[in-house]
Protein backbone atom coordinates (compact mmCIF):
# COMPACT_ATOMS: atom_id res chain seq x y z
CA MET A 1 59.79 104.79 93.16
CA ARG A 2 60.14 100.86 93.40
CA PRO A 3 59.68 98.51 90.68
CA VAL A 4 56.66 96.46 90.67
CA THR A 5 57.29 92.58 90.93
CA SER A 6 55.16 89.82 89.90
CA SER A 7 54.23 89.15 93.57
CA THR A 8 53.19 92.59 94.21
CA ALA A 9 51.15 92.72 90.89
CA SER A 10 49.20 89.65 91.79
CA TRP A 11 48.39 91.20 95.14
CA LEU A 12 47.23 94.24 93.93
CA ALA A 13 45.16 92.47 91.21
CA THR A 14 43.38 90.24 94.27
CA ALA A 15 42.70 93.10 96.29
CA SER A 16 41.22 95.39 93.49
CA PHE A 17 39.16 92.07 92.32
CA ALA A 18 37.80 91.77 95.93
CA VAL A 19 36.95 95.63 96.24
CA ALA A 20 35.25 95.60 93.13
CA MET A 21 33.25 92.43 94.09
CA THR A 22 32.18 94.13 97.56
CA VAL A 23 31.04 97.17 95.60
CA SER A 24 28.84 95.52 92.88
CA GLY A 25 27.39 93.18 95.66
CA SER A 26 26.16 96.06 97.68
CA LEU A 27 24.90 97.71 94.59
CA MET A 28 22.89 94.42 93.59
CA ALA A 29 21.49 94.39 97.03
CA ALA A 30 20.40 97.81 97.16
CA GLN A 31 18.52 97.38 93.59
CA ALA A 32 16.59 94.08 94.80
CA ALA A 33 15.11 95.69 98.10
CA PRO A 34 11.55 97.05 96.95
CA ASP A 35 10.84 100.39 98.18
CA SER A 36 7.97 99.74 100.62
CA GLU A 37 9.27 99.47 104.27
CA ASN A 38 12.73 97.97 103.66
CA GLY A 39 11.33 95.04 101.54
CA ARG A 40 8.77 93.79 104.03
CA TYR A 41 5.89 93.87 101.42
CA THR A 42 5.62 92.28 97.95
CA MET A 43 2.90 93.77 95.97
CA THR A 44 1.43 91.75 92.92
CA PRO A 45 -1.61 93.49 90.79
CA ILE A 46 -4.79 91.43 90.38
CA PRO A 47 -7.78 92.14 88.68
CA GLU A 48 -9.58 93.21 92.27
CA GLY A 49 -6.61 95.58 93.06
CA VAL A 50 -3.40 94.07 94.70
CA LEU A 51 -2.24 91.18 96.51
CA ARG A 52 0.07 91.89 99.21
CA LEU A 53 2.54 89.31 100.65
CA ASP A 54 4.33 90.13 104.01
CA THR A 55 7.77 88.68 103.60
CA ARG A 56 8.22 88.40 107.50
CA THR A 57 5.48 86.50 108.43
CA GLY A 58 3.94 85.02 105.31
CA THR A 59 0.75 86.29 105.52
CA MET A 60 -1.25 87.61 102.28
CA SER A 61 -3.80 90.22 101.98
CA THR A 62 -6.03 91.58 99.24
CA CYS A 63 -5.97 95.41 99.03
CA THR A 64 -8.81 97.11 96.90
CA ARG A 65 -9.64 100.51 96.57
CA ASN A 66 -12.96 101.82 97.72
CA GLY A 67 -14.42 105.39 98.34
CA ALA A 68 -12.69 106.14 101.46
CA GLY A 69 -9.17 104.60 100.02
CA TRP A 70 -7.41 101.38 99.98
CA ALA A 71 -8.40 98.52 102.35
CA CYS A 72 -6.51 95.45 102.99
CA TYR A 73 -8.22 92.14 104.05
CA ALA A 74 -6.32 89.11 105.18
CA VAL A 75 -6.59 86.07 102.78
CA PRO A 76 -8.04 82.80 104.73
CA ASP A 77 -4.71 80.61 105.55
CA GLU A 78 -5.66 77.09 104.36
CA ARG A 79 -2.52 75.76 106.02
CA ALA A 80 -3.54 76.74 109.30
CA ALA A 81 -6.74 74.76 108.64
CA PHE A 82 -4.98 71.75 107.27
CA ASP A 83 -2.55 71.87 110.53
CA ALA A 84 -5.54 71.91 112.80
CA GLU A 85 -7.12 69.00 111.02
CA ILE A 86 -3.93 67.08 111.14
CA GLY A 87 -3.70 67.74 114.85
CA ARG A 88 -7.22 66.52 115.43
CA LEU A 89 -6.36 63.47 113.29
CA GLN A 90 -3.23 62.61 115.34
CA ALA A 91 -5.04 63.01 118.68
CA GLU A 92 -7.90 60.44 117.63
CA VAL A 93 -5.04 58.26 116.53
CA GLU A 94 -3.39 58.14 119.76
CA LYS A 95 -6.98 57.80 121.41
CA LEU A 96 -7.66 54.90 119.28
CA LYS A 97 -4.14 53.34 120.03
CA GLY A 98 -4.75 53.85 123.49
CA GLN A 99 -8.12 51.95 123.60
CA LEU A 100 -6.42 49.07 121.27
CA ALA A 101 -3.55 48.53 123.97
CA ALA A 102 -5.95 48.42 126.71
CA GLY A 103 -7.21 45.03 125.05
CA PRO A 104 -10.67 43.93 123.56
CA THR A 105 -13.76 45.83 125.00
CA VAL A 106 -16.47 43.16 123.75
CA SER A 107 -18.73 42.09 126.35
CA GLY A 108 -20.01 38.57 126.61
CA LYS A 109 -18.51 35.35 126.21
CA ILE A 110 -15.99 35.48 123.27
CA ASP A 111 -14.73 31.83 123.59
CA GLU A 112 -17.81 29.97 122.22
CA ALA A 113 -17.70 28.15 118.83
CA LEU A 114 -19.24 29.51 115.99
CA PRO A 115 -22.21 27.80 114.49
CA LYS A 116 -21.85 25.05 111.75
CA SER A 117 -24.22 26.47 109.38
CA ASP A 118 -23.25 28.94 106.85
CA PRO A 119 -25.29 32.12 107.18
CA LEU A 120 -24.74 33.07 103.72
CA LYS A 121 -25.97 29.82 102.52
CA LYS A 122 -29.68 29.86 102.41
CA GLU A 123 -32.20 26.98 102.13
CA PRO A 124 -34.56 27.29 98.98
CA LYS A 125 -37.78 28.83 99.84
CA THR A 126 -40.83 26.65 100.32
CA ALA A 127 -44.19 27.75 99.26
CA GLU A 128 -46.33 25.27 101.45
CA GLY A 129 -45.10 22.74 103.63
CA ASP A 130 -42.34 20.50 101.99
CA ARG A 131 -43.01 21.88 98.43
CA LYS A 132 -40.23 23.64 96.89
CA ILE A 133 -40.21 26.53 94.29
CA GLU A 134 -38.86 25.37 90.92
CA ILE A 135 -38.01 27.81 88.38
CA PRO A 136 -38.55 26.32 84.99
CA LEU A 137 -35.43 26.28 82.50
CA PRO A 138 -35.68 27.43 79.05
CA SER A 139 -37.01 25.03 76.38
CA ASP A 140 -35.00 23.95 73.32
CA GLN A 141 -37.30 26.31 71.26
CA ASP A 142 -36.47 29.33 73.45
CA VAL A 143 -32.76 28.38 73.36
CA ASP A 144 -33.00 28.34 69.49
CA ARG A 145 -34.74 31.41 69.00
CA VAL A 146 -31.86 33.07 71.50
CA MET A 147 -29.13 31.53 69.08
CA SER A 148 -30.94 32.92 65.93
CA PHE A 149 -31.27 36.28 67.06
CA ILE A 150 -27.58 36.35 68.29
CA GLU A 151 -26.41 34.55 64.99
CA LYS A 152 -28.29 37.51 62.97
CA ALA A 153 -26.80 40.33 65.02
CA TRP A 154 -23.15 39.16 64.54
CA ARG A 155 -23.66 38.61 60.81
CA ARG A 156 -25.16 42.25 60.73
CA LEU A 157 -22.15 43.44 62.38
CA ILE A 158 -19.64 41.81 60.14
CA ASP A 159 -21.46 43.13 57.08
CA MET A 160 -21.29 46.56 58.72
CA ALA A 161 -17.69 46.31 59.19
CA ASN A 162 -16.91 45.06 55.74
CA ARG A 163 -18.89 48.23 54.65
CA VAL A 164 -17.11 50.61 56.68
CA GLN A 165 -13.62 49.04 55.24
CA LYS A 166 -14.66 49.49 51.87
CA ASP A 167 -15.74 53.03 52.34
CA VAL A 168 -12.51 53.86 53.97
CA SER A 169 -10.12 52.08 51.51
CA GLY A 170 -12.09 53.61 48.58
CA LYS A 171 -11.60 57.20 49.73
CA ILE A 172 -7.96 56.74 50.58
């Protein structure tokens, strides 16, 4: 029998470590795979029955128990609807880009000057002939009444704030 040297011992340790890792890795892989069809489907319980995910295609189905047994129905895929809408919008954008690149499609003369009058600025309405409608301004008495009302409301608000502050400070 040969004596064990340090290089032989380190080689044996490395080899045994590699074998141990290989064996433990295969055991973990065997435990991770579900029982159903080599791990193709993943089942999740839901109140109506079971939600089934096909791990190969990504489709989802709800499976429920009825009188004849279990029945699975595909869950509508919103992703397909989104992809279809994105495709439609991209086609519309391309069509509009083509129309824009073709140039203006306005018919008629477009080089004529704009009118000098402002269409948003309207002349005051006239009732009969040259008479203009006038809106009377409030009198001094009307202004005094409004100011008095505002002053009373302001004082009541200040009084109410003071009462609330006294109530709160008294209870603390």
